[in-house]
PDB file of N, CA and C in Angstrom:
ATOM      1  N   UNK A   1       3.963-167.061 -26.399  1.00  0.00           N
ATOM      2  CA  UNK A   1       4.516-167.802 -25.043  1.00  0.00           C
ATOM      3  C   UNK A   1       3.961-169.220 -24.744  1.00  0.00           C
ATOM      4  N   UNK A   2       4.770-170.251 -24.345  1.00  0.00           N
ATOM      5  CA  UNK A   2       4.315-171.681 -24.014  1.00  0.00           C
ATOM      6  C   UNK A   2       3.249-171.723 -23.132  1.00  0.00           C
ATOM      7  N   UNK A   3       2.539-172.814 -23.960  1.00  0.00           N
ATOM      8  CA  UNK A   3       1.496-172.973 -22.228  1.00  0.00           C
ATOM      9  C   UNK A   3       1.829-173.829 -21.246  1.00  0.00           C
ATOM     10  N   UNK A   4       3.112-174.104 -21.198  1.00  0.00           N
ATOM     11  CA  UNK A   4       3.687-174.512 -19.669  1.00  0.00           C
ATOM     12  C   UNK A   4       3.944-173.534 -18.765  1.00  0.00           C
ATOM     13  N   UNK A   5       4.429-172.221 -19.626  1.00  0.00           N
ATOM     14  CA  UNK A   5       4.530-171.310 -19.153  1.00  0.00           C
ATOM     15  C   UNK A   5       2.767-170.180 -18.002  1.00  0.00           C
ATOM     16  N   UNK A   6       1.717-170.988 -18.667  1.00  0.00           N
ATOM     17  CA  UNK A   6       0.435-170.520 -18.361  1.00  0.00           C
ATOM     18  C   UNK A   6       0.033-171.182 -17.562  1.00  0.00           C
ATOM     19  N   UNK A   7       0.556-172.416 -16.937  1.00  0.00           N
ATOM     20  CA  UNK A   7       0.002-173.182 -16.141  1.00  0.00           C
ATOM     21  C   UNK A   7      -0.131-172.566 -14.921  1.00  0.00           C
ATOM     22  N   UNK A   8      -1.520-172.807 -14.127  1.00  0.00           N
ATOM     23  CA  UNK A   8      -1.508-172.495 -12.863  1.00  0.00           C
ATOM     24  C   UNK A   8      -0.898-173.220 -11.811  1.00  0.00           C
ATOM     25  N   UNK A   9      -0.480-172.659 -10.651  1.00  0.00           N
ATOM     26  CA  UNK A   9       0.285-173.727  -9.420  1.00  0.00           C
ATOM     27  C   UNK A   9      -0.618-173.033  -8.282  1.00  0.00           C
ATOM     28  N   UNK A  10      -0.383-173.849  -7.572  1.00  0.00           N
ATOM     29  CA  UNK A  10      -0.557-173.644  -6.119  1.00  0.00           C
ATOM     30  C   UNK A  10       0.795-173.987  -5.167  1.00  0.00           C
ATOM     31  N   UNK A  11       0.225-173.154  -4.045  1.00  0.00           N
ATOM     32  CA  UNK A  11       1.312-173.348  -2.701  1.00  0.00           C
ATOM     33  C   UNK A  11       0.668-173.642  -1.494  1.00  0.00           C
ATOM     34  N   UNK A  12       1.573-175.239  -1.099  1.00  0.00           N
ATOM     35  CA  UNK A  12       1.005-175.563   0.306  1.00  0.00           C
ATOM     36  C   UNK A  12       2.075-175.647   0.666  1.00  0.00           C
ATOM     37  N   UNK A  13       1.373-175.499   2.797  1.00  0.00           N
ATOM     38  CA  UNK A  13       2.205-175.593   3.900  1.00  0.00           C
ATOM     39  C   UNK A  13       2.507-177.077   3.943  1.00  0.00           C
ATOM     40  N   UNK A  14       3.438-177.701   4.131  1.00  0.00           N
ATOM     41  CA  UNK A  14       3.704-179.071   4.077  1.00  0.00           C
ATOM     42  C   UNK A  14       4.240-179.188   5.491  1.00  0.00           C
ATOM     43  N   UNK A  15       4.049-180.181   6.410  1.00  0.00           N
ATOM     44  CA  UNK A  15       4.799-180.360   7.277  1.00  0.00           C
ATOM     45  C   UNK A  15       4.454-182.089   7.890  1.00  0.00           C
ATOM     46  N   UNK A  16       5.758-182.709   7.597  1.00  0.00           N
ATOM     47  CA  UNK A  16       5.942-184.500   7.515  1.00  0.00           C
ATOM     48  C   UNK A  16       6.463-184.592   9.201  1.00  0.00           C
ATOM     49  N   UNK A  17       5.865-185.546   9.513  1.00  0.00           N
ATOM     50  CA  UNK A  17       6.261-186.117  11.135  1.00  0.00           C
ATOM     51  C   UNK A  17       7.118-187.260  10.886  1.00  0.00           C
ATOM     52  N   UNK A  18       7.373-187.557  12.209  1.00  0.00           N
ATOM     53  CA  UNK A  18       8.187-188.787  11.927  1.00  0.00           C
ATOM     54  C   UNK A  18       9.348-188.945  11.378  1.00  0.00           C
ATOM     55  N   UNK A  19       9.136-190.007  10.659  1.00  0.00           N
ATOM     56  CA  UNK A  19      10.459-190.021   9.782  1.00  0.00           C
ATOM     57  C   UNK A  19      10.263-189.847   8.134  1.00  0.00           C
ATOM     58  N   UNK A  20       8.836-189.554   8.088  1.00  0.00           N
ATOM     59  CA  UNK A  20       8.705-188.862   6.710  1.00  0.00           C
ATOM     60  C   UNK A  20       9.493-187.406   6.466  1.00  0.00           C
ATOM     61  N   UNK A  21       9.550-186.840   7.318  1.00  0.00           N
ATOM     62  CA  UNK A  21      10.598-185.664   7.661  1.00  0.00           C
ATOM     63  C   UNK A  21      11.739-185.925   6.612  1.00  0.00           C
ATOM     64  N   UNK A  22      12.241-187.144   6.331  1.00  0.00           N
ATOM     65  CA  UNK A  22      13.643-187.301   5.776  1.00  0.00           C
ATOM     66  C   UNK A  22      13.279-187.174   4.418  1.00  0.00           C
ATOM     67  N   UNK A  23      12.295-187.201   3.782  1.00  0.00           N
ATOM     68  CA  UNK A  23      12.041-186.880   2.277  1.00  0.00           C
ATOM     69  C   UNK A  23      12.221-184.838   2.179  1.00  0.00           C
ATOM     70  N   UNK A  24      12.352-184.401   3.158  1.00  0.00           N
ATOM     71  CA  UNK A  24      12.839-182.672   2.816  1.00  0.00           C
ATOM     72  C   UNK A  24      14.562-182.532   3.403  1.00  0.00           C
ATOM     73  N   UNK A  25      14.613-181.263   3.242  1.00  0.00           N
ATOM     74  CA  UNK A  25      16.282-181.577   3.419  1.00  0.00           C
ATOM     75  C   UNK A  25      16.187-181.059   5.020  1.00  0.00           C
ATOM     76  N   UNK A  26      16.962-181.914   5.645  1.00  0.00           N
ATOM     77  CA  UNK A  26      17.361-181.841   6.795  1.00  0.00           C
ATOM     78  C   UNK A  26      17.074-180.467   7.600  1.00  0.00           C
ATOM     79  N   UNK A  27      17.153-179.100   7.119  1.00  0.00           N
ATOM     80  CA  UNK A  27      17.319-177.823   7.526  1.00  0.00           C
ATOM     81  C   UNK A  27      15.825-177.236   7.567  1.00  0.00           C
ATOM     82  N   UNK A  28      14.899-178.314   6.816  1.00  0.00           N
ATOM     83  CA  UNK A  28      13.274-177.787   6.962  1.00  0.00           C
ATOM     84  C   UNK A  28      12.833-178.564   8.111  1.00  0.00           C
ATOM     85  N   UNK A  29      13.578-179.066   8.589  1.00  0.00           N
ATOM     86  CA  UNK A  29      12.671-179.687   9.610  1.00  0.00           C
ATOM     87  C   UNK A  29      11.418-180.208   9.788  1.00  0.00           C
ATOM     88  N   UNK A  30      11.288-180.837   8.615  1.00  0.00           N
ATOM     89  CA  UNK A  30      10.026-181.354   8.765  1.00  0.00           C
ATOM     90  C   UNK A  30       8.706-180.633   8.314  1.00  0.00           C
ATOM     91  N   UNK A  31       9.294-179.124   7.637  1.00  0.00           N
ATOM     92  CA  UNK A  31       8.007-178.184   6.971  1.00  0.00           C
ATOM     93  C   UNK A  31       8.756-177.637   5.505  1.00  0.00           C
ATOM     94  N   UNK A  32       8.088-177.409   4.780  1.00  0.00           N
ATOM     95  CA  UNK A  32       8.206-176.723   3.426  1.00  0.00           C
ATOM     96  C   UNK A  32       7.070-176.262   2.791  1.00  0.00           C
ATOM     97  N   UNK A  33       7.298-175.350   2.002  1.00  0.00           N
ATOM     98  CA  UNK A  33       6.594-175.131   1.180  1.00  0.00           C
ATOM     99  C   UNK A  33       6.549-175.338  -0.051  1.00  0.00           C
ATOM    100  N   UNK A  34       5.349-176.196  -0.827  1.00  0.00           N
ATOM    101  CA  UNK A  34       5.282-176.846  -1.980  1.00  0.00           C
ATOM    102  C   UNK A  34       4.475-176.507  -2.804  1.00  0.00           C
ATOM    103  N   UNK A  35       5.104-176.232  -4.325  1.00  0.00           N
ATOM    104  CA  UNK A  35       4.041-176.048  -5.339  1.00  0.00           C
ATOM    105  C   UNK A  35       3.499-177.115  -6.418  1.00  0.00           C
ATOM    106  N   UNK A  36       2.415-176.967  -6.854  1.00  0.00           N
ATOM    107  CA  UNK A  36       1.935-178.056  -7.378  1.00  0.00           C
ATOM    108  C   UNK A  36       1.080-177.352  -8.371  1.00  0.00           C
ATOM    109  N   UNK A  37       0.774-178.344  -9.360  1.00  0.00           N
ATOM    110  CA  UNK A  37      -0.082-177.841 -10.555  1.00  0.00           C
ATOM    111  C   UNK A  37      -1.134-177.605  -9.922  1.00  0.00           C
ATOM    112  N   UNK A  38      -1.998-176.767 -10.345  1.00  0.00           N
ATOM    113  CA  UNK A  38      -3.748-176.431 -10.032  1.00  0.00           C
ATOM    114  C   UNK A  38      -4.384-177.755 -10.179  1.00  0.00           C
ATOM    115  N   UNK A  39      -5.154-178.184  -9.645  1.00  0.00           N
ATOM    116  CA  UNK A  39      -6.036-179.331  -9.376  1.00  0.00           C
ATOM    117  C   UNK A  39      -5.191-180.536  -9.244  1.00  0.00           C
ATOM    118  N   UNK A  40      -4.378-180.468  -8.376  1.00  0.00           N
ATOM    119  CA  UNK A  40      -3.523-181.677  -7.716  1.00  0.00           C
ATOM    120  C   UNK A  40      -4.061-181.838  -6.708  1.00  0.00           C
ATOM    121  N   UNK A  41      -4.072-183.499  -6.454  1.00  0.00           N
ATOM    122  CA  UNK A  41      -4.535-184.072  -5.238  1.00  0.00           C
ATOM    123  C   UNK A  41      -3.428-184.457  -4.154  1.00  0.00           C
ATOM    124  N   UNK A  42      -4.115-185.008  -3.017  1.00  0.00           N
ATOM    125  CA  UNK A  42      -2.909-185.415  -2.174  1.00  0.00           C
ATOM    126  C   UNK A  42      -2.050-186.432  -2.491  1.00  0.00           C
ATOM    127  N   UNK A  43      -2.822-187.320  -3.393  1.00  0.00           N
ATOM    128  CA  UNK A  43      -1.732-188.344  -3.938  1.00  0.00           C
ATOM    129  C   UNK A  43      -0.818-187.555  -5.023  1.00  0.00           C
ATOM    130  N   UNK A  44      -0.936-186.697  -5.525  1.00  0.00           N
ATOM    131  CA  UNK A  44       0.363-185.952  -6.433  1.00  0.00           C
ATOM    132  C   UNK A  44       0.959-185.275  -5.458  1.00  0.00           C
ATOM    133  N   UNK A  45       0.948-184.771  -4.602  1.00  0.00           N
ATOM    134  CA  UNK A  45       1.806-184.761  -3.367  1.00  0.00           C
ATOM    135  C   UNK A  45       2.652-185.375  -2.899  1.00  0.00           C
ATOM    136  N   UNK A  46       2.473-186.591  -2.565  1.00  0.00           N
ATOM    137  CA  UNK A  46       2.894-187.635  -2.126  1.00  0.00           C
ATOM    138  C   UNK A  46       3.837-188.049  -3.305  1.00  0.00           C
ATOM    139  N   UNK A  47       3.418-187.966  -4.259  1.00  0.00           N
ATOM    140  CA  UNK A  47       4.323-188.724  -5.454  1.00  0.00           C
ATOM    141  C   UNK A  47       5.344-187.504  -5.477  1.00  0.00           C
ATOM    142  N   UNK A  48       5.586-186.608  -5.782  1.00  0.00           N
ATOM    143  CA  UNK A  48       6.222-185.464  -5.517  1.00  0.00           C
ATOM    144  C   UNK A  48       7.158-185.318  -4.544  1.00  0.00           C
ATOM    145  N   UNK A  49       6.856-185.538  -3.318  1.00  0.00           N
ATOM    146  CA  UNK A  49       7.737-186.190  -2.138  1.00  0.00           C
ATOM    147  C   UNK A  49       8.234-187.013  -2.682  1.00  0.00           C
ATOM    148  N   UNK A  50       8.065-187.923  -2.937  1.00  0.00           N
ATOM    149  CA  UNK A  50       8.618-189.512  -3.090  1.00  0.00           C
ATOM    150  C   UNK A  50       8.228-190.193  -1.291  1.00  0.00           C
ATOM    151  N   UNK A  51       7.055-189.993  -1.329  1.00  0.00           N
ATOM    152  CA  UNK A  51       6.323-190.776   0.040  1.00  0.00           C
ATOM    153  C   UNK A  51       5.323-191.656  -0.648  1.00  0.00           C
ATOM    154  N   UNK A  52       6.357-192.793  -0.378  1.00  0.00           N
ATOM    155  CA  UNK A  52       5.457-194.549  -0.959  1.00  0.00           C
ATOM    156  C   UNK A  52       4.791-195.446  -0.130  1.00  0.00           C
ATOM    157  N   UNK A  53       5.183-194.766   1.060  1.00  0.00           N
ATOM    158  CA  UNK A  53       4.541-195.514   2.020  1.00  0.00           C
ATOM    159  C   UNK A  53       2.792-195.372   2.275  1.00  0.00           C
ATOM    160  N   UNK A  54       2.088-195.800   3.268  1.00  0.00           N
ATOM    161  CA  UNK A  54       0.731-195.419   3.740  1.00  0.00           C
ATOM    162  C   UNK A  54       0.906-194.491   4.815  1.00  0.00           C
ATOM    163  N   UNK A  55       0.090-193.627   4.828  1.00  0.00           N
ATOM    164  CA  UNK A  55       0.028-192.424   5.588  1.00  0.00           C
ATOM    165  C   UNK A  55      -1.137-191.952   5.681  1.00  0.00           C
ATOM    166  N   UNK A  56      -1.228-191.192   6.788  1.00  0.00           N
ATOM    167  CA  UNK A  56      -2.715-190.150   7.399  1.00  0.00           C
ATOM    168  C   UNK A  56      -2.330-189.052   7.624  1.00  0.00           C
ATOM    169  N   UNK A  57      -3.529-188.322   6.884  1.00  0.00           N
ATOM    170  CA  UNK A  57      -3.337-186.993   6.760  1.00  0.00           C
ATOM    171  C   UNK A  57      -4.028-186.134   6.769  1.00  0.00           C
ATOM    172  N   UNK A  58      -4.299-184.433   6.780  1.00  0.00           N
ATOM    173  CA  UNK A  58      -5.261-183.417   7.312  1.00  0.00           C
ATOM    174  C   UNK A  58      -4.846-182.493   6.407  1.00  0.00           C
ATOM    175  N   UNK A  59      -6.105-181.930   5.968  1.00  0.00           N
ATOM    176  CA  UNK A  59      -5.669-181.011   5.168  1.00  0.00           C
ATOM    177  C   UNK A  59      -6.688-179.578   5.715  1.00  0.00           C
ATOM    178  N   UNK A  60      -6.164-178.569   6.664  1.00  0.00           N
ATOM    179  CA  UNK A  60      -6.783-177.502   7.177  1.00  0.00           C
ATOM    180  C   UNK A  60      -7.538-177.623   8.293  1.00  0.00           C
ATOM    181  N   UNK A  61      -6.939-179.050   8.719  1.00  0.00           N
ATOM    182  CA  UNK A  61      -7.337-179.523   9.906  1.00  0.00           C
ATOM    183  C   UNK A  61      -8.394-180.422   9.976  1.00  0.00           C
ATOM    184  N   UNK A  62      -8.545-180.894   8.717  1.00  0.00           N
ATOM    185  CA  UNK A  62      -9.808-181.665   8.268  1.00  0.00           C
ATOM    186  C   UNK A  62      -8.609-183.094   8.448  1.00  0.00           C
ATOM    187  N   UNK A  63      -9.440-184.480   8.904  1.00  0.00           N
ATOM    188  CA  UNK A  63      -9.149-186.060   8.918  1.00  0.00           C
ATOM    189  C   UNK A  63     -10.124-186.543   7.797  1.00  0.00           C
ATOM    190  N   UNK A  64      -9.614-187.785   7.871  1.00  0.00           N
ATOM    191  CA  UNK A  64     -10.392-188.493   7.272  1.00  0.00           C
ATOM    192  C   UNK A  64     -10.518-188.287   5.882  1.00  0.00           C
ATOM    193  N   UNK A  65      -9.519-187.980   5.221  1.00  0.00           N
ATOM    194  CA  UNK A  65     -10.176-187.300   3.969  1.00  0.00           C
ATOM    195  C   UNK A  65      -9.216-188.661   2.554  1.00  0.00           C
ATOM    196  N   UNK A  66      -9.568-188.301   1.820  1.00  0.00           N
ATOM    197  CA  UNK A  66      -9.309-189.738   0.496  1.00  0.00           C
ATOM    198  C   UNK A  66      -8.014-188.855  -0.290  1.00  0.00           C
ATOM    199  N   UNK A  67      -7.020-189.818  -0.551  1.00  0.00           N
ATOM    200  CA  UNK A  67      -6.086-189.247  -1.362  1.00  0.00           C
ATOM    201  C   UNK A  67      -6.379-188.695  -2.368  1.00  0.00           C
ATOM    202  N   UNK A  68      -7.856-188.913  -3.069  1.00  0.00           N
ATOM    203  CA  UNK A  68      -7.875-187.888  -4.522  1.00  0.00           C
ATOM    204  C   UNK A  68      -8.242-187.022  -3.603  1.00  0.00           C
ATOM    205  N   UNK A  69      -8.088-186.286  -3.179  1.00  0.00           N
ATOM    206  CA  UNK A  69      -8.523-184.788  -2.069  1.00  0.00           C
ATOM    207  C   UNK A  69      -8.267-183.641  -2.962  1.00  0.00           C
ATOM    208  N   UNK A  70      -8.813-182.949  -3.093  1.00  0.00           N
ATOM    209  CA  UNK A  70      -8.380-181.947  -4.136  1.00  0.00           C
ATOM    210  C   UNK A  70      -7.683-181.015  -3.309  1.00  0.00           C
ATOM    211  N   UNK A  71      -6.536-180.520  -3.292  1.00  0.00           N
ATOM    212  CA  UNK A  71      -5.629-179.764  -2.638  1.00  0.00           C
ATOM    213  C   UNK A  71      -5.602-178.233  -3.328  1.00  0.00           C
ATOM    214  N   UNK A  72      -6.018-177.202  -2.219  1.00  0.00           N
ATOM    215  CA  UNK A  72      -6.059-175.745  -3.155  1.00  0.00           C
ATOM    216  C   UNK A  72      -5.038-174.893  -2.474  1.00  0.00           C
ATOM    217  N   UNK A  73      -4.817-173.845  -3.126  1.00  0.00           N
ATOM    218  CA  UNK A  73      -3.818-172.805  -2.933  1.00  0.00           C
ATOM    219  C   UNK A  73      -3.781-172.359  -1.201  1.00  0.00           C
ATOM    220  N   UNK A  74      -2.875-172.305  -0.544  1.00  0.00           N
ATOM    221  CA  UNK A  74      -2.811-172.132   0.717  1.00  0.00           C
ATOM    222  C   UNK A  74      -3.340-172.799   1.869  1.00  0.00           C
ATOM    223  N   UNK A  75      -3.327-174.075   1.138  1.00  0.00           N
ATOM    224  CA  UNK A  75      -3.816-175.358   2.405  1.00  0.00           C
ATOM    225  C   UNK A  75      -2.953-175.652   2.779  1.00  0.00           C
ATOM    226  N   UNK A  76      -2.902-175.875   4.419  1.00  0.00           N
ATOM    227  CA  UNK A  76      -2.215-176.870   5.355  1.00  0.00           C
ATOM    228  C   UNK A  76      -2.468-177.700   5.230  1.00  0.00           C
ATOM    229  N   UNK A  77      -1.403-179.004   5.347  1.00  0.00           N
ATOM    230  CA  UNK A  77      -1.414-180.126   4.837  1.00  0.00           C
ATOM    231  C   UNK A  77      -0.141-180.924   6.173  1.00  0.00           C
ATOM    232  N   UNK A  78      -1.036-181.788   6.892  1.00  0.00           N
ATOM    233  CA  UNK A  78      -0.569-182.236   8.105  1.00  0.00           C
ATOM    234  C   UNK A  78       0.011-183.861   7.119  1.00  0.00           C
ATOM    235  N   UNK A  79       1.023-184.522   7.318  1.00  0.00           N
ATOM    236  CA  UNK A  79       1.344-185.985   7.246  1.00  0.00           C
ATOM    237  C   UNK A  79       2.087-186.351   7.898  1.00  0.00           C
ATOM    238  N   UNK A  80       1.458-187.831   8.988  1.00  0.00           N
ATOM    239  CA  UNK A  80       1.748-188.811   9.347  1.00  0.00           C
ATOM    240  C   UNK A  80       1.681-190.181   8.902  1.00  0.00           C
ATOM    241  N   UNK A  81       2.742-190.951   9.489  1.00  0.00           N
ATOM    242  CA  UNK A  81       2.887-192.307   9.032  1.00  0.00           C
ATOM    243  C   UNK A  81       1.875-192.944  10.142  1.00  0.00           C
ATOM    244  N   UNK A  82       1.191-193.954   8.641  1.00  0.00           N
ATOM    245  CA  UNK A  82       0.000-194.731   9.805  1.00  0.00           C
ATOM    246  C   UNK A  82       0.361-195.815  10.368  1.00  0.00           C
ATOM    247  N   UNK A  83      -0.413-195.532  11.474  1.00  0.00           N
ATOM    248  CA  UNK A  83       0.004-197.015  12.880  1.00  0.00           C
ATOM    249  C   UNK A  83      -1.159-197.680  13.004  1.00  0.00           C
ATOM    250  N   UNK A  84      -1.000-198.980  12.823  1.00  0.00           N
ATOM    251  CA  UNK A  84      -1.654-200.414  12.813  1.00  0.00           C
ATOM    252  C   UNK A  84      -0.857-200.808  14.197  1.00  0.00           C
ATOM    253  N   UNK A  85      -2.025-201.613  14.419  1.00  0.00           N
ATOM    254  CA  UNK A  85      -1.460-202.857  15.191  1.00  0.00           C
ATOM    255  C   UNK A  85      -2.891-203.467  15.808  1.00  0.00           C
ATOM    256  N   UNK A  86      -2.801-204.197  16.432  1.00  0.00           N
ATOM    257  CA  UNK A  86      -4.262-205.216  17.002  1.00  0.00           C
ATOM    258  C   UNK A  86      -4.025-205.816  18.349  1.00  0.00           C
TER     259      UNK A  86
END
């Protein structure tokens, strides 16, 4: 059996808000179940979804997390466009 078949995966429930929802099929309405390799970070998730802009996110209701935050199986991830102003 190849090593790639033994690679562990995690499944995340992801919701993208605003224009970020365009990174998912329209019928998903900004919500999707996403699989990533075990030990993946939030940065890995945005790369998989093709999100290249600065975003704000929450995992299981926790805010102020770094892009290197390790994701775990079953996590609820909310992703928002970053707002700036002055």
